[in-house]
């Protein structure tokens, strides 16, 4: 089967794949330089979502879910950012088990510098183009991207489950080379 099945969506799929691969190659790398520290895109996203969470007041699981992170991966990121002085952890006065994570003053400075130096230059042209779309069209794009994400996530989960099942005999999974 060739790529005809993609039909008119081939350029769109190619753009999504290109963006995903390009972003994935930099996502965890600490190269976003500010006067108050060096962070990765992944780390700055945590700071950004925690800043938003001051209004939303989701629990940490809720923030992790919004980011598409497992609770354990989110906790590791939070701890790393606490170590960098960008976040601070607190206990709720009524429940010592309830940990509240807030962005520190230093974290706010790093985020503000990131927005000015990186985010606005990256997103401005994107937003300018988005201004030509109606709210309904923007929502349609969001839904389209979310649908592909949900399908990808389901297939990934199916593959993860399948990989947990061990075959009875290793030869069942191999292709014999005929000489």
Protein backbone atom coordinates (compact mmCIF):
# COMPACT_ATOMS: atom_id res chain seq x y z
CA UNK A 1 0.00 0.00 0.00
CA UNK A 2 1.35 3.35 -0.97
CA UNK A 3 0.36 6.71 0.49
CA UNK A 4 -2.78 7.26 -1.61
CA UNK A 5 -4.88 6.52 1.46
CA UNK A 6 -3.85 9.93 2.81
CA UNK A 7 -5.58 11.67 -0.09
CA UNK A 8 -5.85 15.43 0.19
CA UNK A 9 -4.67 15.28 3.82
CA UNK A 10 -1.07 14.31 2.92
CA UNK A 11 0.30 17.89 3.17
CA UNK A 12 -1.49 18.42 6.50
CA UNK A 13 -0.27 15.10 7.93
CA UNK A 14 3.26 15.88 6.73
CA UNK A 15 3.12 19.28 8.45
CA UNK A 16 1.91 17.71 11.69
CA UNK A 17 4.62 15.04 11.58
CA UNK A 18 7.32 17.59 10.76
CA UNK A 19 6.25 19.82 13.65
CA UNK A 20 5.99 16.89 16.06
CA UNK A 21 9.45 15.57 15.16
CA UNK A 22 11.05 19.01 15.27
CA UNK A 23 9.44 19.82 18.61
CA UNK A 24 10.29 16.41 20.06
CA UNK A 25 13.95 16.95 19.21
CA UNK A 26 14.08 20.06 21.42
CA UNK A 27 11.33 19.46 23.99
CA UNK A 28 13.54 18.16 26.84
CA UNK A 29 16.72 20.03 25.94
CA UNK A 30 17.56 22.92 28.23
CA UNK A 31 18.39 25.68 25.77
CA UNK A 32 15.85 28.42 26.56
CA UNK A 33 18.24 30.96 28.05
CA UNK A 34 17.08 33.76 30.30
CA UNK A 35 18.90 35.99 32.75
CA UNK A 36 17.37 33.92 35.56
CA UNK A 37 18.17 30.43 34.29
CA UNK A 38 18.15 27.93 31.44
CA UNK A 39 15.08 25.74 30.91
CA UNK A 40 13.55 23.40 28.37
CA UNK A 41 10.24 23.85 26.59
CA UNK A 42 8.88 21.05 28.76
CA UNK A 43 9.91 22.86 31.94
CA UNK A 44 8.53 26.21 30.82
CA UNK A 45 5.21 24.53 30.01
CA UNK A 46 4.99 23.33 33.61
CA UNK A 47 5.65 26.88 34.84
CA UNK A 48 3.04 28.25 32.41
CA UNK A 49 0.37 25.75 33.45
CA UNK A 50 1.06 26.33 37.13
CA UNK A 51 0.69 30.08 36.58
CA UNK A 52 -2.69 29.40 34.96
CA UNK A 53 -3.53 27.03 37.77
CA UNK A 54 -3.46 29.87 40.30
CA UNK A 55 -6.86 30.77 38.82
CA UNK A 56 -8.07 27.28 37.87
CA UNK A 57 -7.02 25.73 41.20
CA UNK A 58 -6.79 22.18 39.86
CA UNK A 59 -5.02 19.58 41.93
CA UNK A 60 -1.63 18.40 40.69
CA UNK A 61 -3.24 15.44 38.89
CA UNK A 62 -5.44 17.92 37.02
CA UNK A 63 -2.44 19.97 35.93
CA UNK A 64 -0.59 16.80 34.86
CA UNK A 65 -3.63 15.70 32.84
CA UNK A 66 -3.83 19.08 31.06
CA UNK A 67 -0.18 18.67 30.09
CA UNK A 68 -0.66 15.07 28.98
CA UNK A 69 1.83 13.90 31.62
CA UNK A 70 1.61 10.97 33.99
CA UNK A 71 1.49 12.00 37.65
CA UNK A 72 4.93 10.48 38.26
CA UNK A 73 6.52 12.29 35.27
CA UNK A 74 4.87 15.52 36.39
CA UNK A 75 6.18 15.07 39.95
CA UNK A 76 9.73 14.55 38.63
CA UNK A 77 9.47 17.75 36.58
CA UNK A 78 8.09 19.69 39.53
CA UNK A 79 10.91 18.47 41.77
CA UNK A 80 13.51 19.47 39.17
CA UNK A 81 11.96 22.95 38.92
CA UNK A 82 11.85 23.27 42.71
CA UNK A 83 15.58 22.44 42.67
CA UNK A 84 16.15 25.21 40.12
CA UNK A 85 14.26 27.67 42.34
CA UNK A 86 11.46 28.17 39.79
CA UNK A 87 8.72 26.50 41.85
CA UNK A 88 7.93 26.27 45.56
CA UNK A 89 6.05 23.49 47.37
CA UNK A 90 3.62 24.10 50.21
CA UNK A 91 1.32 21.99 52.37
CA UNK A 92 -2.33 22.90 52.65
CA UNK A 93 -3.06 24.07 56.21
CA UNK A 94 -6.02 21.70 56.56
CA UNK A 95 -4.37 18.63 54.96
CA UNK A 96 -0.63 18.01 55.21
CA UNK A 97 -0.84 15.37 52.45
CA UNK A 98 -2.16 17.96 50.00
CA UNK A 99 0.90 19.48 48.31
CA UNK A 100 0.41 22.80 46.56
CA UNK A 101 3.00 23.91 44.01
CA UNK A 102 3.35 27.59 43.16
CA UNK A 103 5.62 29.48 40.80
CA UNK A 104 8.36 31.36 42.64
CA UNK A 105 9.33 34.97 41.92
CA UNK A 106 12.33 33.64 40.00
CA UNK A 107 10.04 31.30 38.03
CA UNK A 108 7.82 34.25 37.10
CA UNK A 109 10.86 36.18 35.85
CA UNK A 110 12.03 33.21 33.76
CA UNK A 111 8.55 32.83 32.30
CA UNK A 112 8.27 36.55 31.48
CA UNK A 113 11.66 36.46 29.74
CA UNK A 114 10.67 33.30 27.84
CA UNK A 115 7.46 34.94 26.61
CA UNK A 116 9.30 38.03 25.36
CA UNK A 117 12.33 36.29 23.87
CA UNK A 118 10.85 33.02 22.56
CA UNK A 119 7.06 32.61 22.72
CA UNK A 120 5.92 35.84 21.09
CA UNK A 121 8.39 35.56 18.18
CA UNK A 122 7.43 31.90 17.66
CA UNK A 123 3.66 32.30 17.92
CA UNK A 124 2.96 35.80 16.57
CA UNK A 125 2.71 34.82 12.90
CA UNK A 126 0.59 31.81 13.89
CA UNK A 127 -1.75 34.05 15.88
CA UNK A 128 -1.87 36.60 13.06
CA UNK A 129 -3.03 33.86 10.69
CA UNK A 130 -5.49 32.63 13.32
CA UNK A 131 -7.03 36.11 13.43
CA UNK A 132 -8.39 35.44 9.93
CA UNK A 133 -10.31 32.40 11.22
CA UNK A 134 -13.68 32.49 12.92
CA UNK A 135 -14.13 31.03 16.40
CA UNK A 136 -15.89 28.05 14.78
CA UNK A 137 -12.96 27.45 12.41
CA UNK A 138 -10.45 27.67 15.26
CA UNK A 139 -12.53 25.18 17.23
CA UNK A 140 -12.64 22.85 14.22
CA UNK A 141 -8.82 22.90 13.98
CA UNK A 142 -8.55 22.20 17.72
CA UNK A 143 -11.01 19.29 17.46
CA UNK A 144 -9.16 17.90 14.42
CA UNK A 145 -5.84 17.92 16.26
CA UNK A 146 -7.41 16.47 19.41
CA UNK A 147 -9.00 13.63 17.41
CA UNK A 148 -5.67 12.56 15.92
CA UNK A 149 -4.08 12.79 19.36
CA UNK A 150 -6.78 10.58 20.90
CA UNK A 151 -6.39 7.99 18.13
CA UNK A 152 -2.60 8.04 18.46
CA UNK A 153 -2.84 7.68 22.25
CA UNK A 154 -5.24 4.74 21.94
CA UNK A 155 -3.00 2.93 19.44
CA UNK A 156 0.02 3.61 21.66
CA UNK A 157 -1.83 2.16 24.66
CA UNK A 158 -2.88 -0.88 22.61
CA UNK A 159 0.75 -1.41 21.53
CA UNK A 160 1.95 -1.02 25.13
CA UNK A 161 -0.54 -3.69 26.23
CA UNK A 162 0.45 -6.01 23.38
CA UNK A 163 4.14 -5.67 24.24
CA UNK A 164 3.40 -6.86 27.80
CA UNK A 165 2.16 -10.19 26.44
CA UNK A 166 5.14 -12.48 26.01
CA UNK A 167 5.03 -15.01 23.20
CA UNK A 168 5.31 -18.71 24.05
CA UNK A 169 8.30 -19.17 21.79
CA UNK A 170 10.66 -16.46 20.52
CA UNK A 171 10.53 -18.05 17.05
CA UNK A 172 6.88 -17.00 16.78
CA UNK A 173 7.93 -13.36 16.52
CA UNK A 174 10.89 -13.82 14.16
CA UNK A 175 11.10 -14.15 10.40
CA UNK A 176 13.33 -16.99 9.28
CA UNK A 177 16.04 -16.16 6.77
CA UNK A 178 16.10 -18.68 3.98
CA UNK A 179 19.55 -19.40 2.62
